[in-house]
């Protein structure tokens, strides 16, 4: 296998202009222009987080930083970390234009402890991050090393079971399209498109990705010495993850005819005692 970090980083650098041109998921200019705007993800997770006023928060794999900046607008002292230099440049520029105090650091998530100083009240991750990481136990160790005693690790992610499903029609009939249990070896994928529609194509089209079961994630958390305090599954998701889902009035996506059909995302929280 090639160096997966370098390969995936080149892919994500290429995604940045595509994502910036899309109004579907990222609208940096609108966020900058409206001081009251809080990202949908930050609003959702904010209901499960403590009061952020004065809390030191690090957002791992922050991409363009809009969720990170949203937490700053909610009163947190924020640090965003991402391995894509192009993403970090956009995030820093957005923070400057929005006049939001935030630090953004370019680093691979497994090197986060060496890339930032001090301990944090909250280590935060969300949506579309775990499939880029090969080792959940190692991730748990990184999260633990970043937290101060009593600090909280929070992860909201697409449900791994949903990633195995395909719905061939609007009948919500179940089709298992891929394996639920992953292996130590990554799946090499090639695509010139991203998960949102935008202008341009991805030149570095190869990526390496991993499938992790829910038990992989939970084991990674508790093996690092963190104490699990929440495991919650949801019948809706942030966007249609490969299946023809229906969009609700609140903007979330779900199985229209059978909302109890399968989980689409989950949240894990754990505390460093």
C-alpha atoms as a PDB file:
ATOM      1  CA  UNK A   1       0.000   0.000   0.000  1.00  0.00           C
ATOM      2  CA  UNK A   2       1.194   3.515  -0.778  1.00  0.00           C
ATOM      3  CA  UNK A   3       1.535   6.010   2.055  1.00  0.00           C
ATOM      4  CA  UNK A   4      -2.174   6.394   2.778  1.00  0.00           C
ATOM      5  CA  UNK A   5      -1.814   9.735   4.548  1.00  0.00           C
ATOM      6  CA  UNK A   6      -0.073  11.433   1.610  1.00  0.00           C
ATOM      7  CA  UNK A   7      -2.457   9.864  -0.897  1.00  0.00           C
ATOM      8  CA  UNK A   8      -5.573  10.849   1.047  1.00  0.00           C
ATOM      9  CA  UNK A   9      -4.207  14.323   1.804  1.00  0.00           C
ATOM     10  CA  UNK A  10      -3.701  15.034  -1.904  1.00  0.00           C
ATOM     11  CA  UNK A  11      -7.287  13.929  -2.529  1.00  0.00           C
ATOM     12  CA  UNK A  12      -8.668  16.221   0.179  1.00  0.00           C
ATOM     13  CA  UNK A  13      -6.587  19.167  -1.006  1.00  0.00           C
ATOM     14  CA  UNK A  14      -8.273  18.704  -4.388  1.00  0.00           C
ATOM     15  CA  UNK A  15     -11.722  18.570  -2.796  1.00  0.00           C
ATOM     16  CA  UNK A  16     -11.437  22.047  -1.298  1.00  0.00           C
ATOM     17  CA  UNK A  17     -12.196  24.085  -4.462  1.00  0.00           C
ATOM     18  CA  UNK A  18     -15.010  21.649  -5.323  1.00  0.00           C
ATOM     19  CA  UNK A  19     -16.549  22.097  -1.877  1.00  0.00           C
ATOM     20  CA  UNK A  20     -16.111  25.875  -1.967  1.00  0.00           C
ATOM     21  CA  UNK A  21     -18.032  26.033  -5.241  1.00  0.00           C
ATOM     22  CA  UNK A  22     -20.935  24.046  -3.782  1.00  0.00           C
ATOM     23  CA  UNK A  23     -23.805  25.698  -1.923  1.00  0.00           C
ATOM     24  CA  UNK A  24     -25.164  22.255  -1.031  1.00  0.00           C
ATOM     25  CA  UNK A  25     -23.054  21.642   2.052  1.00  0.00           C
ATOM     26  CA  UNK A  26     -20.516  24.449   2.438  1.00  0.00           C
ATOM     27  CA  UNK A  27     -21.318  28.130   2.105  1.00  0.00           C
ATOM     28  CA  UNK A  28     -18.347  29.854   3.674  1.00  0.00           C
ATOM     29  CA  UNK A  29     -19.268  33.329   2.458  1.00  0.00           C
ATOM     30  CA  UNK A  30     -22.735  33.138   4.018  1.00  0.00           C
ATOM     31  CA  UNK A  31     -21.246  31.923   7.298  1.00  0.00           C
ATOM     32  CA  UNK A  32     -18.746  34.766   7.348  1.00  0.00           C
ATOM     33  CA  UNK A  33     -21.404  37.368   6.536  1.00  0.00           C
ATOM     34  CA  UNK A  34     -23.853  36.299   9.266  1.00  0.00           C
ATOM     35  CA  UNK A  35     -22.405  36.476  12.810  1.00  0.00           C
ATOM     36  CA  UNK A  36     -25.412  34.593  14.160  1.00  0.00           C
ATOM     37  CA  UNK A  37     -25.012  31.579  11.859  1.00  0.00           C
ATOM     38  CA  UNK A  38     -24.246  28.268  13.564  1.00  0.00           C
ATOM     39  CA  UNK A  39     -23.704  25.162  11.452  1.00  0.00           C
ATOM     40  CA  UNK A  40     -26.404  22.507  11.527  1.00  0.00           C
ATOM     41  CA  UNK A  41     -23.913  19.949  12.866  1.00  0.00           C
ATOM     42  CA  UNK A  42     -22.860  22.258  15.705  1.00  0.00           C
ATOM     43  CA  UNK A  43     -26.499  22.951  16.577  1.00  0.00           C
ATOM     44  CA  UNK A  44     -27.284  19.239  16.669  1.00  0.00           C
ATOM     45  CA  UNK A  45     -24.260  18.209  18.709  1.00  0.00           C
ATOM     46  CA  UNK A  46     -24.604  21.270  20.903  1.00  0.00           C
ATOM     47  CA  UNK A  47     -27.720  19.679  22.387  1.00  0.00           C
ATOM     48  CA  UNK A  48     -25.505  16.848  23.706  1.00  0.00           C
ATOM     49  CA  UNK A  49     -22.540  18.939  24.769  1.00  0.00           C
ATOM     50  CA  UNK A  50     -22.093  20.907  27.990  1.00  0.00           C
ATOM     51  CA  UNK A  51     -22.183  24.697  28.043  1.00  0.00           C
ATOM     52  CA  UNK A  52     -19.249  25.699  25.837  1.00  0.00           C
ATOM     53  CA  UNK A  53     -18.598  29.075  27.438  1.00  0.00           C
ATOM     54  CA  UNK A  54     -14.903  29.245  28.244  1.00  0.00           C
ATOM     55  CA  UNK A  55     -14.349  25.587  27.319  1.00  0.00           C
ATOM     56  CA  UNK A  56     -11.195  24.665  25.406  1.00  0.00           C
ATOM     57  CA  UNK A  57     -12.304  22.577  22.397  1.00  0.00           C
ATOM     58  CA  UNK A  58     -10.198  20.808  19.769  1.00  0.00           C
ATOM     59  CA  UNK A  59     -11.955  19.706  16.600  1.00  0.00           C
ATOM     60  CA  UNK A  60     -10.072  16.840  14.953  1.00  0.00           C
ATOM     61  CA  UNK A  61     -10.396  16.532  11.157  1.00  0.00           C
ATOM     62  CA  UNK A  62     -12.175  19.877  10.947  1.00  0.00           C
ATOM     63  CA  UNK A  63     -12.014  20.312   7.121  1.00  0.00           C
ATOM     64  CA  UNK A  64     -13.103  23.895   6.255  1.00  0.00           C
ATOM     65  CA  UNK A  65     -13.657  24.761   9.894  1.00  0.00           C
ATOM     66  CA  UNK A  66     -17.264  25.966   9.891  1.00  0.00           C
ATOM     67  CA  UNK A  67     -18.264  23.666  12.759  1.00  0.00           C
ATOM     68  CA  UNK A  68     -15.143  24.730  14.642  1.00  0.00           C
ATOM     69  CA  UNK A  69     -15.989  28.414  14.167  1.00  0.00           C
ATOM     70  CA  UNK A  70     -19.580  27.705  15.187  1.00  0.00           C
ATOM     71  CA  UNK A  71     -18.355  26.421  18.548  1.00  0.00           C
ATOM     72  CA  UNK A  72     -16.306  29.606  18.912  1.00  0.00           C
ATOM     73  CA  UNK A  73     -19.474  31.613  18.324  1.00  0.00           C
ATOM     74  CA  UNK A  74     -21.049  29.564  21.114  1.00  0.00           C
ATOM     75  CA  UNK A  75     -18.348  30.703  23.512  1.00  0.00           C
ATOM     76  CA  UNK A  76     -15.630  28.069  23.225  1.00  0.00           C
ATOM     77  CA  UNK A  77     -11.884  28.586  22.837  1.00  0.00           C
ATOM     78  CA  UNK A  78     -11.361  26.511  19.698  1.00  0.00           C
ATOM     79  CA  UNK A  79      -8.582  24.746  17.840  1.00  0.00           C
ATOM     80  CA  UNK A  80      -9.286  23.073  14.503  1.00  0.00           C
ATOM     81  CA  UNK A  81      -6.933  20.400  13.201  1.00  0.00           C
ATOM     82  CA  UNK A  82      -6.815  18.857   9.729  1.00  0.00           C
ATOM     83  CA  UNK A  83      -4.169  17.202   7.550  1.00  0.00           C
ATOM     84  CA  UNK A  84      -5.187  19.159   4.443  1.00  0.00           C
ATOM     85  CA  UNK A  85      -3.206  22.357   4.071  1.00  0.00           C
ATOM     86  CA  UNK A  86      -5.777  23.708   1.603  1.00  0.00           C
ATOM     87  CA  UNK A  87      -8.568  23.146   4.123  1.00  0.00           C
ATOM     88  CA  UNK A  88      -6.628  24.863   6.881  1.00  0.00           C
ATOM     89  CA  UNK A  89      -5.979  27.918   4.676  1.00  0.00           C
ATOM     90  CA  UNK A  90      -9.728  28.263   4.001  1.00  0.00           C
ATOM     91  CA  UNK A  91     -10.537  27.851   7.701  1.00  0.00           C
ATOM     92  CA  UNK A  92      -7.992  30.489   8.742  1.00  0.00           C
ATOM     93  CA  UNK A  93      -9.281  32.898   6.115  1.00  0.00           C
ATOM     94  CA  UNK A  94     -12.890  32.332   7.210  1.00  0.00           C
ATOM     95  CA  UNK A  95     -11.949  32.969  10.844  1.00  0.00           C
ATOM     96  CA  UNK A  96     -10.188  36.192   9.892  1.00  0.00           C
ATOM     97  CA  UNK A  97     -13.031  37.492   7.722  1.00  0.00           C
ATOM     98  CA  UNK A  98     -15.663  36.527  10.297  1.00  0.00           C
ATOM     99  CA  UNK A  99     -13.566  38.090  13.071  1.00  0.00           C
ATOM    100  CA  UNK A 100     -13.761  34.880  15.107  1.00  0.00           C
ATOM    101  CA  UNK A 101     -10.865  33.993  17.392  1.00  0.00           C
ATOM    102  CA  UNK A 102      -9.731  30.480  16.450  1.00  0.00           C
ATOM    103  CA  UNK A 103      -6.529  28.516  15.934  1.00  0.00           C
ATOM    104  CA  UNK A 104      -6.141  26.126  13.003  1.00  0.00           C
ATOM    105  CA  UNK A 105      -3.328  23.580  12.841  1.00  0.00           C
ATOM    106  CA  UNK A 106      -2.275  21.350   9.959  1.00  0.00           C
ATOM    107  CA  UNK A 107      -1.565  17.843  11.233  1.00  0.00           C
ATOM    108  CA  UNK A 108      -2.459  14.207  10.796  1.00  0.00           C
ATOM    109  CA  UNK A 109      -4.894  13.233  13.541  1.00  0.00           C
ATOM    110  CA  UNK A 110      -2.539  10.592  14.947  1.00  0.00           C
ATOM    111  CA  UNK A 111       0.089  13.332  15.438  1.00  0.00           C
ATOM    112  CA  UNK A 112      -2.327  15.735  17.108  1.00  0.00           C
ATOM    113  CA  UNK A 113      -0.746  15.444  20.561  1.00  0.00           C
ATOM    114  CA  UNK A 114       2.588  16.653  19.167  1.00  0.00           C
ATOM    115  CA  UNK A 115       0.955  19.382  17.053  1.00  0.00           C
ATOM    116  CA  UNK A 116      -0.882  21.295  19.797  1.00  0.00           C
ATOM    117  CA  UNK A 117      -0.104  22.410  23.338  1.00  0.00           C
ATOM    118  CA  UNK A 118      -1.980  21.833  26.542  1.00  0.00           C
ATOM    119  CA  UNK A 119      -5.064  19.844  27.430  1.00  0.00           C
ATOM    120  CA  UNK A 120      -8.646  20.343  26.297  1.00  0.00           C
ATOM    121  CA  UNK A 121     -12.072  20.210  27.894  1.00  0.00           C
ATOM    122  CA  UNK A 122     -13.586  18.625  24.772  1.00  0.00           C
ATOM    123  CA  UNK A 123     -12.159  16.591  21.901  1.00  0.00           C
ATOM    124  CA  UNK A 124     -14.717  16.732  19.086  1.00  0.00           C
ATOM    125  CA  UNK A 125     -15.138  14.790  15.829  1.00  0.00           C
ATOM    126  CA  UNK A 126     -18.072  14.478  13.433  1.00  0.00           C
ATOM    127  CA  UNK A 127     -19.297  12.941  10.180  1.00  0.00           C
ATOM    128  CA  UNK A 128     -17.169  11.198   7.608  1.00  0.00           C
ATOM    129  CA  UNK A 129     -13.964  10.918   9.618  1.00  0.00           C
ATOM    130  CA  UNK A 130     -13.522   7.338  10.835  1.00  0.00           C
ATOM    131  CA  UNK A 131     -13.300   5.752   7.386  1.00  0.00           C
ATOM    132  CA  UNK A 132     -10.041   7.672   6.802  1.00  0.00           C
ATOM    133  CA  UNK A 133      -8.370   6.178   9.886  1.00  0.00           C
ATOM    134  CA  UNK A 134      -7.019   2.613  10.114  1.00  0.00           C
ATOM    135  CA  UNK A 135      -6.879   2.150  13.909  1.00  0.00           C
ATOM    136  CA  UNK A 136      -9.661   2.976  16.377  1.00  0.00           C
ATOM    137  CA  UNK A 137      -7.610   1.993  19.433  1.00  0.00           C
ATOM    138  CA  UNK A 138      -4.919   4.456  18.393  1.00  0.00           C
ATOM    139  CA  UNK A 139      -7.571   7.142  17.878  1.00  0.00           C
ATOM    140  CA  UNK A 140      -8.877   6.551  21.385  1.00  0.00           C
ATOM    141  CA  UNK A 141      -5.363   6.979  22.732  1.00  0.00           C
ATOM    142  CA  UNK A 142      -4.971  10.292  20.906  1.00  0.00           C
ATOM    143  CA  UNK A 143      -8.279  11.560  22.284  1.00  0.00           C
ATOM    144  CA  UNK A 144      -7.332  10.544  25.811  1.00  0.00           C
ATOM    145  CA  UNK A 145      -3.931  12.230  25.550  1.00  0.00           C
ATOM    146  CA  UNK A 146      -5.548  15.528  24.518  1.00  0.00           C
ATOM    147  CA  UNK A 147      -8.136  15.639  27.312  1.00  0.00           C
ATOM    148  CA  UNK A 148      -7.705  17.139  30.743  1.00  0.00           C
ATOM    149  CA  UNK A 149      -9.042  15.043  33.673  1.00  0.00           C
ATOM    150  CA  UNK A 150     -12.822  15.201  33.482  1.00  0.00           C
ATOM    151  CA  UNK A 151     -12.663  16.152  29.801  1.00  0.00           C
ATOM    152  CA  UNK A 152     -15.132  14.849  27.222  1.00  0.00           C
ATOM    153  CA  UNK A 153     -14.582  13.019  23.941  1.00  0.00           C
ATOM    154  CA  UNK A 154     -17.520  13.503  21.541  1.00  0.00           C
ATOM    155  CA  UNK A 155     -17.984  11.738  18.211  1.00  0.00           C
ATOM    156  CA  UNK A 156     -20.998  11.887  15.891  1.00  0.00           C
ATOM    157  CA  UNK A 157     -20.625   9.765  12.772  1.00  0.00           C
ATOM    158  CA  UNK A 158     -22.497   8.014   9.980  1.00  0.00           C
ATOM    159  CA  UNK A 159     -23.615   4.636  11.270  1.00  0.00           C
ATOM    160  CA  UNK A 160     -21.381   1.844   9.912  1.00  0.00           C
ATOM    161  CA  UNK A 161     -24.399  -0.359   9.258  1.00  0.00           C
ATOM    162  CA  UNK A 162     -25.905   2.342   7.023  1.00  0.00           C
ATOM    163  CA  UNK A 163     -22.679   2.298   5.029  1.00  0.00           C
ATOM    164  CA  UNK A 164     -23.365  -1.321   4.054  1.00  0.00           C
ATOM    165  CA  UNK A 165     -26.881  -0.691   2.751  1.00  0.00           C
ATOM    166  CA  UNK A 166     -28.247   0.127  -0.643  1.00  0.00           C
ATOM    167  CA  UNK A 167     -31.905   0.778  -1.371  1.00  0.00           C
ATOM    168  CA  UNK A 168     -32.565  -0.138  -5.022  1.00  0.00           C
ATOM    169  CA  UNK A 169     -35.942   1.620  -5.200  1.00  0.00           C
ATOM    170  CA  UNK A 170     -38.255   3.824  -3.139  1.00  0.00           C
ATOM    171  CA  UNK A 171     -39.712   0.757  -1.448  1.00  0.00           C
ATOM    172  CA  UNK A 172     -37.154   0.822   1.385  1.00  0.00           C
ATOM    173  CA  UNK A 173     -36.309  -2.825   0.690  1.00  0.00           C
ATOM    174  CA  UNK A 174     -33.063  -3.877   2.322  1.00  0.00           C
ATOM    175  CA  UNK A 175     -30.049  -4.754   0.201  1.00  0.00           C
ATOM    176  CA  UNK A 176     -26.704  -5.464   1.848  1.00  0.00           C
ATOM    177  CA  UNK A 177     -24.259  -4.029  -0.648  1.00  0.00           C
ATOM    178  CA  UNK A 178     -20.981  -4.332   1.279  1.00  0.00           C
ATOM    179  CA  UNK A 179     -19.451  -5.964   4.340  1.00  0.00           C
ATOM    180  CA  UNK A 180     -20.220  -4.602   7.790  1.00  0.00           C
ATOM    181  CA  UNK A 181     -17.100  -5.922   9.482  1.00  0.00           C
ATOM    182  CA  UNK A 182     -13.952  -4.345   8.137  1.00  0.00           C
ATOM    183  CA  UNK A 183     -10.435  -5.709   7.887  1.00  0.00           C
ATOM    184  CA  UNK A 184      -7.032  -4.277   8.712  1.00  0.00           C
ATOM    185  CA  UNK A 185      -6.434  -3.753   5.014  1.00  0.00           C
ATOM    186  CA  UNK A 186      -7.914  -0.613   3.445  1.00  0.00           C
ATOM    187  CA  UNK A 187     -10.168  -0.469   0.445  1.00  0.00           C
ATOM    188  CA  UNK A 188      -8.624   1.502  -2.396  1.00  0.00           C
ATOM    189  CA  UNK A 189     -11.206   3.702  -4.115  1.00  0.00           C
ATOM    190  CA  UNK A 190     -10.885   5.828  -7.239  1.00  0.00           C
ATOM    191  CA  UNK A 191     -13.302   8.689  -7.940  1.00  0.00           C
ATOM    192  CA  UNK A 192     -13.022  12.137  -9.487  1.00  0.00           C
ATOM    193  CA  UNK A 193     -16.135  13.271  -7.588  1.00  0.00           C
ATOM    194  CA  UNK A 194     -16.721  14.213  -3.958  1.00  0.00           C
ATOM    195  CA  UNK A 195     -19.782  13.619  -1.788  1.00  0.00           C
ATOM    196  CA  UNK A 196     -21.212  17.028  -2.720  1.00  0.00           C
ATOM    197  CA  UNK A 197     -21.723  18.445  -6.183  1.00  0.00           C
ATOM    198  CA  UNK A 198     -19.426  21.275  -7.140  1.00  0.00           C
ATOM    199  CA  UNK A 199     -17.364  22.638  -9.976  1.00  0.00           C
ATOM    200  CA  UNK A 200     -14.303  20.747 -11.147  1.00  0.00           C
ATOM    201  CA  UNK A 201     -12.934  17.256 -10.665  1.00  0.00           C
ATOM    202  CA  UNK A 202     -10.548  15.683  -8.185  1.00  0.00           C
ATOM    203  CA  UNK A 203      -7.189  15.181  -9.892  1.00  0.00           C
ATOM    204  CA  UNK A 204      -5.761  12.939  -7.157  1.00  0.00           C
ATOM    205  CA  UNK A 205      -8.652  10.515  -7.369  1.00  0.00           C
ATOM    206  CA  UNK A 206      -7.256   7.574  -5.361  1.00  0.00           C
ATOM    207  CA  UNK A 207      -8.059   7.148  -1.665  1.00  0.00           C
ATOM    208  CA  UNK A 208      -7.575   4.494   0.989  1.00  0.00           C
ATOM    209  CA  UNK A 209     -10.498   3.926   3.371  1.00  0.00           C
ATOM    210  CA  UNK A 210     -11.459   1.557   6.177  1.00  0.00           C
ATOM    211  CA  UNK A 211     -14.736   0.123   7.438  1.00  0.00           C
ATOM    212  CA  UNK A 212     -15.142   0.058  11.240  1.00  0.00           C
ATOM    213  CA  UNK A 213     -17.976  -1.627  13.102  1.00  0.00           C
ATOM    214  CA  UNK A 214     -19.699   0.110  16.002  1.00  0.00           C
ATOM    215  CA  UNK A 215     -17.933  -2.265  18.399  1.00  0.00           C
ATOM    216  CA  UNK A 216     -14.572  -1.270  16.856  1.00  0.00           C
ATOM    217  CA  UNK A 217     -15.300   2.356  17.684  1.00  0.00           C
ATOM    218  CA  UNK A 218     -16.503   1.704  21.236  1.00  0.00           C
ATOM    219  CA  UNK A 219     -13.585  -0.635  21.944  1.00  0.00           C
ATOM    220  CA  UNK A 220     -11.173   2.016  20.724  1.00  0.00           C
ATOM    221  CA  UNK A 221     -12.668   4.506  23.162  1.00  0.00           C
ATOM    222  CA  UNK A 222     -12.743   2.335  26.266  1.00  0.00           C
ATOM    223  CA  UNK A 223      -9.348   0.704  25.622  1.00  0.00           C
ATOM    224  CA  UNK A 224      -7.751   4.126  25.986  1.00  0.00           C
ATOM    225  CA  UNK A 225      -9.048   4.440  29.530  1.00  0.00           C
ATOM    226  CA  UNK A 226     -11.975   6.699  28.708  1.00  0.00           C
ATOM    227  CA  UNK A 227     -15.276   5.952  30.426  1.00  0.00           C
ATOM    228  CA  UNK A 228     -18.191   5.562  28.022  1.00  0.00           C
ATOM    229  CA  UNK A 229     -21.090   7.825  29.005  1.00  0.00           C
ATOM    230  CA  UNK A 230     -23.261   7.856  25.870  1.00  0.00           C
ATOM    231  CA  UNK A 231     -23.994   5.645  22.891  1.00  0.00           C
ATOM    232  CA  UNK A 232     -26.989   6.885  20.932  1.00  0.00           C
ATOM    233  CA  UNK A 233     -28.230   5.815  17.488  1.00  0.00           C
ATOM    234  CA  UNK A 234     -30.441   7.940  15.233  1.00  0.00           C
ATOM    235  CA  UNK A 235     -33.039   7.162  12.555  1.00  0.00           C
ATOM    236  CA  UNK A 236     -31.920  10.098  10.408  1.00  0.00           C
ATOM    237  CA  UNK A 237     -28.705  11.346   8.875  1.00  0.00           C
ATOM    238  CA  UNK A 238     -26.960  14.468   7.682  1.00  0.00           C
ATOM    239  CA  UNK A 239     -27.212  13.687   3.965  1.00  0.00           C
ATOM    240  CA  UNK A 240     -28.173  10.734   1.730  1.00  0.00           C
ATOM    241  CA  UNK A 241     -25.296   8.314   2.270  1.00  0.00           C
ATOM    242  CA  UNK A 242     -25.560   6.482  -1.034  1.00  0.00           C
ATOM    243  CA  UNK A 243     -29.228   5.555  -0.648  1.00  0.00           C
ATOM    244  CA  UNK A 244     -32.326   7.346  -1.998  1.00  0.00           C
ATOM    245  CA  UNK A 245     -33.489   8.759   1.326  1.00  0.00           C
ATOM    246  CA  UNK A 246     -36.137  11.442   1.821  1.00  0.00           C
ATOM    247  CA  UNK A 247     -35.358  14.874   3.218  1.00  0.00           C
ATOM    248  CA  UNK A 248     -37.343  16.029   6.234  1.00  0.00           C
ATOM    249  CA  UNK A 249     -38.520  19.591   6.777  1.00  0.00           C
ATOM    250  CA  UNK A 250     -35.696  20.094   9.300  1.00  0.00           C
ATOM    251  CA  UNK A 251     -33.099  19.207   6.657  1.00  0.00           C
ATOM    252  CA  UNK A 252     -32.161  15.738   7.928  1.00  0.00           C
ATOM    253  CA  UNK A 253     -32.576  12.619   5.779  1.00  0.00           C
ATOM    254  CA  UNK A 254     -34.438   9.424   6.665  1.00  0.00           C
ATOM    255  CA  UNK A 255     -36.104   6.303   5.314  1.00  0.00           C
ATOM    256  CA  UNK A 256     -39.454   7.770   4.305  1.00  0.00           C
ATOM    257  CA  UNK A 257     -41.732   4.736   4.512  1.00  0.00           C
ATOM    258  CA  UNK A 258     -39.991   2.915   7.370  1.00  0.00           C
ATOM    259  CA  UNK A 259     -38.145   5.374   9.635  1.00  0.00           C
ATOM    260  CA  UNK A 260     -37.366   2.539  12.050  1.00  0.00           C
ATOM    261  CA  UNK A 261     -35.699   0.624   9.201  1.00  0.00           C
ATOM    262  CA  UNK A 262     -32.045   1.102  10.178  1.00  0.00           C
ATOM    263  CA  UNK A 263     -29.805   3.579  12.038  1.00  0.00           C
ATOM    264  CA  UNK A 264     -28.204   6.301   9.930  1.00  0.00           C
ATOM    265  CA  UNK A 265     -25.877   7.901  12.443  1.00  0.00           C
ATOM    266  CA  UNK A 266     -24.678   7.569  16.035  1.00  0.00           C
ATOM    267  CA  UNK A 267     -23.083   9.574  18.836  1.00  0.00           C
ATOM    268  CA  UNK A 268     -20.486   8.340  21.308  1.00  0.00           C
ATOM    269  CA  UNK A 269     -19.343  10.274  24.349  1.00  0.00           C
ATOM    270  CA  UNK A 270     -16.682   9.291  26.864  1.00  0.00           C
ATOM    271  CA  UNK A 271     -14.965  10.989  29.816  1.00  0.00           C
ATOM    272  CA  UNK A 272     -11.377  10.942  30.970  1.00  0.00           C
ATOM    273  CA  UNK A 273     -11.632  10.239  34.703  1.00  0.00           C
END
